[in-house]
N, C-alpha and C. Protein backbone atom coordinates (compact mmCIF):
# COMPACT_ATOMS: atom_id res chain seq x y z
N UNK A 1 91.13 120.89 121.49
CA UNK A 1 92.42 121.52 121.41
C UNK A 1 92.95 121.40 119.99
N UNK A 2 93.50 122.45 119.47
CA UNK A 2 94.09 122.43 118.15
C UNK A 2 95.54 122.01 118.25
N UNK A 3 95.91 120.99 117.52
CA UNK A 3 97.27 120.48 117.58
C UNK A 3 98.26 121.56 117.15
N UNK A 4 97.91 122.30 116.10
CA UNK A 4 98.81 123.31 115.57
C UNK A 4 99.08 124.45 116.53
N UNK A 5 98.28 124.61 117.56
CA UNK A 5 98.48 125.67 118.54
C UNK A 5 99.24 125.20 119.77
N UNK A 6 99.50 123.91 119.87
CA UNK A 6 100.24 123.36 121.00
C UNK A 6 101.70 123.21 120.58
N UNK A 7 102.56 124.08 121.09
CA UNK A 7 103.96 124.11 120.68
C UNK A 7 104.69 122.80 121.00
N UNK A 8 104.36 122.16 122.11
CA UNK A 8 105.01 120.91 122.48
C UNK A 8 104.69 119.82 121.45
N UNK A 9 103.43 119.66 121.13
CA UNK A 9 103.03 118.64 120.15
C UNK A 9 103.59 118.99 118.78
N UNK A 10 103.57 120.28 118.45
CA UNK A 10 104.12 120.70 117.16
C UNK A 10 105.60 120.33 117.07
N UNK A 11 106.36 120.51 118.17
CA UNK A 11 107.79 120.17 118.15
C UNK A 11 108.00 118.66 117.95
N UNK A 12 107.13 117.85 118.52
CA UNK A 12 107.22 116.40 118.34
C UNK A 12 106.94 116.04 116.88
N UNK A 13 105.92 116.67 116.28
CA UNK A 13 105.59 116.40 114.88
C UNK A 13 106.74 116.80 113.97
N UNK A 14 107.39 117.90 114.26
CA UNK A 14 108.54 118.34 113.47
C UNK A 14 109.69 117.35 113.63
N UNK A 15 109.96 116.93 114.87
CA UNK A 15 111.06 116.00 115.14
C UNK A 15 110.87 114.66 114.42
N UNK A 16 109.63 114.23 114.24
CA UNK A 16 109.35 112.95 113.58
C UNK A 16 109.07 113.10 112.09
N UNK A 17 109.22 114.32 111.57
CA UNK A 17 109.07 114.54 110.14
C UNK A 17 107.63 114.57 109.65
N UNK A 18 106.69 114.67 110.56
CA UNK A 18 105.29 114.72 110.15
C UNK A 18 104.98 116.05 109.49
N UNK A 19 105.52 117.12 110.06
CA UNK A 19 105.41 118.44 109.45
C UNK A 19 106.81 119.04 109.41
N UNK A 20 106.98 120.06 108.57
CA UNK A 20 108.27 120.72 108.47
C UNK A 20 108.28 121.96 109.35
N UNK A 21 109.46 122.29 109.84
CA UNK A 21 109.62 123.47 110.69
C UNK A 21 109.14 124.71 109.95
N UNK A 22 108.41 125.57 110.67
CA UNK A 22 107.92 126.82 110.09
C UNK A 22 106.58 126.69 109.41
N UNK A 23 106.10 125.47 109.24
CA UNK A 23 104.80 125.29 108.61
C UNK A 23 103.74 125.09 109.68
N UNK A 24 102.54 125.52 109.36
CA UNK A 24 101.43 125.40 110.30
C UNK A 24 100.70 124.09 110.05
N UNK A 25 100.56 123.28 111.09
CA UNK A 25 99.88 121.99 110.96
C UNK A 25 98.48 122.16 110.41
N UNK A 26 97.75 123.15 110.87
CA UNK A 26 96.37 123.34 110.43
C UNK A 26 96.29 123.64 108.95
N UNK A 27 97.27 124.33 108.40
CA UNK A 27 97.26 124.62 106.97
C UNK A 27 97.68 123.41 106.16
N UNK A 28 98.54 122.56 106.73
CA UNK A 28 98.95 121.35 106.01
C UNK A 28 97.79 120.37 105.89
N UNK A 29 96.97 120.30 106.90
CA UNK A 29 95.84 119.38 106.86
C UNK A 29 94.72 120.03 106.06
N UNK A 30 94.83 119.91 104.74
CA UNK A 30 93.89 120.58 103.86
C UNK A 30 92.76 119.68 103.43
N UNK A 31 92.79 118.43 103.82
CA UNK A 31 91.75 117.51 103.41
C UNK A 31 90.85 117.23 104.61
N UNK A 32 89.58 117.52 104.45
CA UNK A 32 88.59 117.16 105.46
C UNK A 32 87.53 116.32 104.77
N UNK A 33 86.70 115.68 105.54
CA UNK A 33 85.69 114.79 104.96
C UNK A 33 84.70 115.57 104.11
N UNK A 34 84.03 114.85 103.23
CA UNK A 34 83.00 115.47 102.39
C UNK A 34 81.89 116.06 103.24
N UNK A 35 81.52 115.38 104.32
CA UNK A 35 80.46 115.89 105.20
C UNK A 35 80.88 117.21 105.83
N UNK A 36 82.11 117.26 106.33
CA UNK A 36 82.60 118.50 106.96
C UNK A 36 82.67 119.62 105.93
N UNK A 37 83.12 119.31 104.72
CA UNK A 37 83.17 120.32 103.66
C UNK A 37 81.78 120.84 103.31
N UNK A 38 80.83 119.94 103.19
CA UNK A 38 79.46 120.33 102.86
C UNK A 38 78.87 121.25 103.93
N UNK A 39 79.10 120.90 105.17
CA UNK A 39 78.60 121.70 106.29
C UNK A 39 79.25 123.08 106.30
N UNK A 40 80.55 123.13 106.09
CA UNK A 40 81.28 124.39 106.09
C UNK A 40 80.84 125.29 104.94
N UNK A 41 80.69 124.74 103.77
CA UNK A 41 80.26 125.52 102.60
C UNK A 41 78.85 126.06 102.81
N UNK A 42 77.96 125.24 103.34
CA UNK A 42 76.58 125.69 103.60
C UNK A 42 76.58 126.87 104.56
N UNK A 43 77.38 126.79 105.61
CA UNK A 43 77.45 127.89 106.57
C UNK A 43 78.04 129.14 105.93
N UNK A 44 79.08 128.97 105.12
CA UNK A 44 79.75 130.11 104.49
C UNK A 44 78.85 130.84 103.50
N UNK A 45 77.92 130.12 102.90
CA UNK A 45 77.02 130.74 101.92
C UNK A 45 76.01 131.67 102.57
N UNK A 46 75.79 131.54 103.85
CA UNK A 46 74.84 132.40 104.56
C UNK A 46 75.57 133.26 105.59
N UNK A 47 75.31 133.04 106.85
CA UNK A 47 75.85 133.91 107.90
C UNK A 47 77.07 133.34 108.64
N UNK A 48 77.59 132.21 108.19
CA UNK A 48 78.77 131.64 108.81
C UNK A 48 78.52 130.91 110.12
N UNK A 49 77.27 130.58 110.39
CA UNK A 49 76.90 129.94 111.66
C UNK A 49 76.50 128.49 111.44
N UNK A 50 76.97 127.64 112.33
CA UNK A 50 76.55 126.24 112.39
C UNK A 50 75.97 126.03 113.77
N UNK A 51 74.81 125.38 113.83
CA UNK A 51 74.18 125.08 115.11
C UNK A 51 74.07 123.58 115.29
N UNK A 52 74.41 123.11 116.50
CA UNK A 52 74.29 121.70 116.85
C UNK A 52 73.49 121.64 118.14
N UNK A 53 72.26 121.22 118.05
CA UNK A 53 71.36 121.19 119.20
C UNK A 53 70.98 119.76 119.52
N UNK A 54 70.93 119.45 120.81
CA UNK A 54 70.49 118.13 121.26
C UNK A 54 69.28 118.31 122.17
N UNK A 55 68.34 117.44 122.02
CA UNK A 55 67.15 117.47 122.86
C UNK A 55 66.62 116.05 122.99
N UNK A 56 65.71 115.88 123.92
CA UNK A 56 65.15 114.57 124.16
C UNK A 56 64.55 114.02 122.87
N UNK A 57 65.03 112.88 122.44
CA UNK A 57 64.50 112.26 121.24
C UNK A 57 65.25 112.62 119.97
N UNK A 58 66.36 113.32 120.07
CA UNK A 58 67.10 113.62 118.85
C UNK A 58 67.97 114.84 118.94
N UNK A 59 68.20 115.43 117.80
CA UNK A 59 69.04 116.61 117.73
C UNK A 59 68.96 117.23 116.36
N UNK A 60 69.65 118.36 116.22
CA UNK A 60 69.66 119.08 114.95
C UNK A 60 71.06 119.60 114.68
N UNK A 61 71.45 119.55 113.43
CA UNK A 61 72.64 120.25 112.96
C UNK A 61 72.17 121.06 111.77
N UNK A 62 72.34 122.38 111.87
CA UNK A 62 71.90 123.27 110.79
C UNK A 62 73.03 124.21 110.40
N UNK A 63 73.02 124.58 109.12
CA UNK A 63 73.98 125.55 108.60
C UNK A 63 73.40 126.12 107.31
N UNK A 64 73.47 127.43 107.19
CA UNK A 64 72.99 128.06 105.96
C UNK A 64 71.53 127.83 105.69
N UNK A 65 70.74 127.65 106.73
CA UNK A 65 69.31 127.42 106.56
C UNK A 65 68.95 125.99 106.19
N UNK A 66 69.94 125.10 106.17
CA UNK A 66 69.71 123.70 105.80
C UNK A 66 69.79 122.82 107.03
N UNK A 67 68.86 121.90 107.13
CA UNK A 67 68.82 120.90 108.21
C UNK A 67 69.57 119.66 107.72
N UNK A 68 70.61 119.26 108.45
CA UNK A 68 71.43 118.14 108.02
C UNK A 68 70.99 116.81 108.60
N UNK A 69 70.31 116.80 109.73
CA UNK A 69 69.78 115.55 110.30
C UNK A 69 68.32 115.47 109.87
N UNK A 70 68.13 114.95 108.66
CA UNK A 70 66.80 114.99 108.07
C UNK A 70 65.94 113.77 108.38
N UNK A 71 66.55 112.65 108.75
CA UNK A 71 65.74 111.45 109.00
C UNK A 71 65.64 111.08 110.48
N UNK A 72 66.26 111.87 111.35
CA UNK A 72 66.19 111.70 112.80
C UNK A 72 66.76 110.38 113.31
N UNK A 73 67.56 109.68 112.49
CA UNK A 73 68.16 108.43 112.96
C UNK A 73 69.43 108.74 113.76
N UNK A 74 69.75 107.91 114.74
CA UNK A 74 70.98 108.12 115.52
C UNK A 74 72.24 108.08 114.64
N UNK A 75 72.21 107.28 113.61
CA UNK A 75 73.36 107.18 112.71
C UNK A 75 73.60 108.49 111.96
N UNK A 76 72.53 109.08 111.46
CA UNK A 76 72.65 110.36 110.75
C UNK A 76 73.09 111.45 111.71
N UNK A 77 72.55 111.44 112.92
CA UNK A 77 72.97 112.43 113.93
C UNK A 77 74.45 112.29 114.23
N UNK A 78 74.94 111.07 114.39
CA UNK A 78 76.35 110.84 114.68
C UNK A 78 77.23 111.31 113.52
N UNK A 79 76.76 111.10 112.31
CA UNK A 79 77.51 111.51 111.11
C UNK A 79 77.74 113.02 111.10
N UNK A 80 76.67 113.79 111.31
CA UNK A 80 76.79 115.24 111.21
C UNK A 80 77.41 115.86 112.46
N UNK A 81 77.21 115.24 113.60
CA UNK A 81 77.90 115.72 114.81
C UNK A 81 79.41 115.50 114.67
N UNK A 82 79.80 114.40 114.03
CA UNK A 82 81.22 114.14 113.77
C UNK A 82 81.80 115.19 112.82
N UNK A 83 81.00 115.62 111.86
CA UNK A 83 81.47 116.66 110.92
C UNK A 83 81.72 117.97 111.67
N UNK A 84 80.84 118.31 112.61
CA UNK A 84 81.04 119.53 113.42
C UNK A 84 82.33 119.39 114.23
N UNK A 85 82.53 118.25 114.88
CA UNK A 85 83.74 118.03 115.68
C UNK A 85 85.00 118.10 114.82
N UNK A 86 84.92 117.57 113.62
CA UNK A 86 86.06 117.62 112.71
C UNK A 86 86.42 119.07 112.37
N UNK A 87 85.41 119.88 112.09
CA UNK A 87 85.66 121.30 111.78
C UNK A 87 86.26 122.03 112.98
N UNK A 88 85.82 121.67 114.17
CA UNK A 88 86.42 122.24 115.39
C UNK A 88 87.88 121.82 115.52
N UNK A 89 88.15 120.54 115.30
CA UNK A 89 89.50 120.01 115.47
C UNK A 89 90.52 120.66 114.54
N UNK A 90 90.11 120.98 113.31
CA UNK A 90 91.05 121.59 112.36
C UNK A 90 91.05 123.11 112.45
N UNK A 91 90.20 123.67 113.31
CA UNK A 91 90.20 125.12 113.51
C UNK A 91 89.42 125.90 112.49
N UNK A 92 88.50 125.26 111.78
CA UNK A 92 87.71 125.96 110.77
C UNK A 92 86.45 126.61 111.35
N UNK A 93 86.08 126.20 112.57
CA UNK A 93 84.98 126.84 113.29
C UNK A 93 85.39 127.03 114.75
N UNK A 94 84.74 128.00 115.40
CA UNK A 94 84.94 128.26 116.83
C UNK A 94 83.61 128.16 117.54
N UNK A 95 83.64 127.64 118.76
CA UNK A 95 82.45 127.58 119.61
C UNK A 95 82.17 128.99 120.13
N UNK A 96 80.97 129.50 119.88
CA UNK A 96 80.63 130.87 120.27
C UNK A 96 79.82 130.94 121.56
N UNK A 97 79.60 129.83 122.16
CA UNK A 97 78.87 129.82 123.43
C UNK A 97 79.64 129.00 124.43
N UNK A 98 78.94 128.52 125.41
CA UNK A 98 79.58 127.67 126.41
C UNK A 98 78.97 126.28 126.41
N UNK A 99 77.97 126.05 125.57
CA UNK A 99 77.28 124.77 125.56
C UNK A 99 77.62 123.89 124.35
N UNK A 100 78.46 124.39 123.46
CA UNK A 100 78.79 123.61 122.26
C UNK A 100 77.63 123.51 121.30
N UNK A 101 76.86 124.59 121.19
CA UNK A 101 75.69 124.58 120.31
C UNK A 101 75.79 125.53 119.12
N UNK A 102 76.50 126.64 119.29
CA UNK A 102 76.58 127.65 118.24
C UNK A 102 78.04 127.84 117.86
N UNK A 103 78.32 127.74 116.56
CA UNK A 103 79.69 127.82 116.05
C UNK A 103 79.73 128.81 114.90
N UNK A 104 80.86 129.51 114.79
CA UNK A 104 81.06 130.44 113.67
C UNK A 104 82.32 130.03 112.92
N UNK A 105 82.33 130.30 111.63
CA UNK A 105 83.49 129.99 110.80
C UNK A 105 84.64 130.93 111.17
N UNK A 106 85.84 130.37 111.24
CA UNK A 106 87.04 131.16 111.51
C UNK A 106 87.62 131.67 110.19
N UNK A 107 88.64 132.51 110.31
CA UNK A 107 89.33 133.02 109.13
C UNK A 107 89.88 131.86 108.29
N UNK A 108 90.51 130.87 108.96
CA UNK A 108 91.03 129.69 108.24
C UNK A 108 89.92 128.91 107.56
N UNK A 109 88.76 128.87 108.19
CA UNK A 109 87.62 128.18 107.58
C UNK A 109 87.17 128.86 106.30
N UNK A 110 87.07 130.18 106.33
CA UNK A 110 86.68 130.92 105.11
C UNK A 110 87.74 130.77 104.02
N UNK A 111 89.02 130.77 104.41
CA UNK A 111 90.07 130.58 103.41
C UNK A 111 89.98 129.20 102.77
N UNK A 112 89.65 128.20 103.59
CA UNK A 112 89.50 126.84 103.05
C UNK A 112 88.34 126.80 102.05
N UNK A 113 87.23 127.42 102.37
CA UNK A 113 86.08 127.45 101.46
C UNK A 113 86.47 128.13 100.15
N UNK A 114 87.23 129.20 100.23
CA UNK A 114 87.68 129.89 99.01
C UNK A 114 88.56 128.98 98.16
N UNK A 115 89.43 128.20 98.80
CA UNK A 115 90.28 127.26 98.05
C UNK A 115 89.44 126.16 97.41
N UNK A 116 88.37 125.74 98.06
CA UNK A 116 87.50 124.72 97.49
C UNK A 116 86.83 125.21 96.21
N UNK A 117 86.44 126.48 96.20
CA UNK A 117 85.70 127.01 95.07
C UNK A 117 86.59 127.50 93.94
N UNK A 118 87.90 127.52 94.15
CA UNK A 118 88.78 127.99 93.07
C UNK A 118 89.40 126.85 92.29
């Protein structure tokens, strides 16, 4: 769930001074982790797709033709799966299926990538 799209939570954030009235929470949160940024930029350079696949004995996170879980360790898998979840949480990608495996960059995600490169 995106916090910025939940009017009740948004009203609480405004009341406590976390965000200002009329501003979008998702746009205010302009800082994401380096891993999430790297994943988003890689996807934006190609077709805008991120894939997160799990299978017996491991998993894969790919974007822009690059494999991000390169050593097959559970720690590396957790790192890149967390980056995918972070991008979902801030609204920079959308789940395009029903299994949580294929994601596409949203308009806000592309705008963020443009701000990174400028």
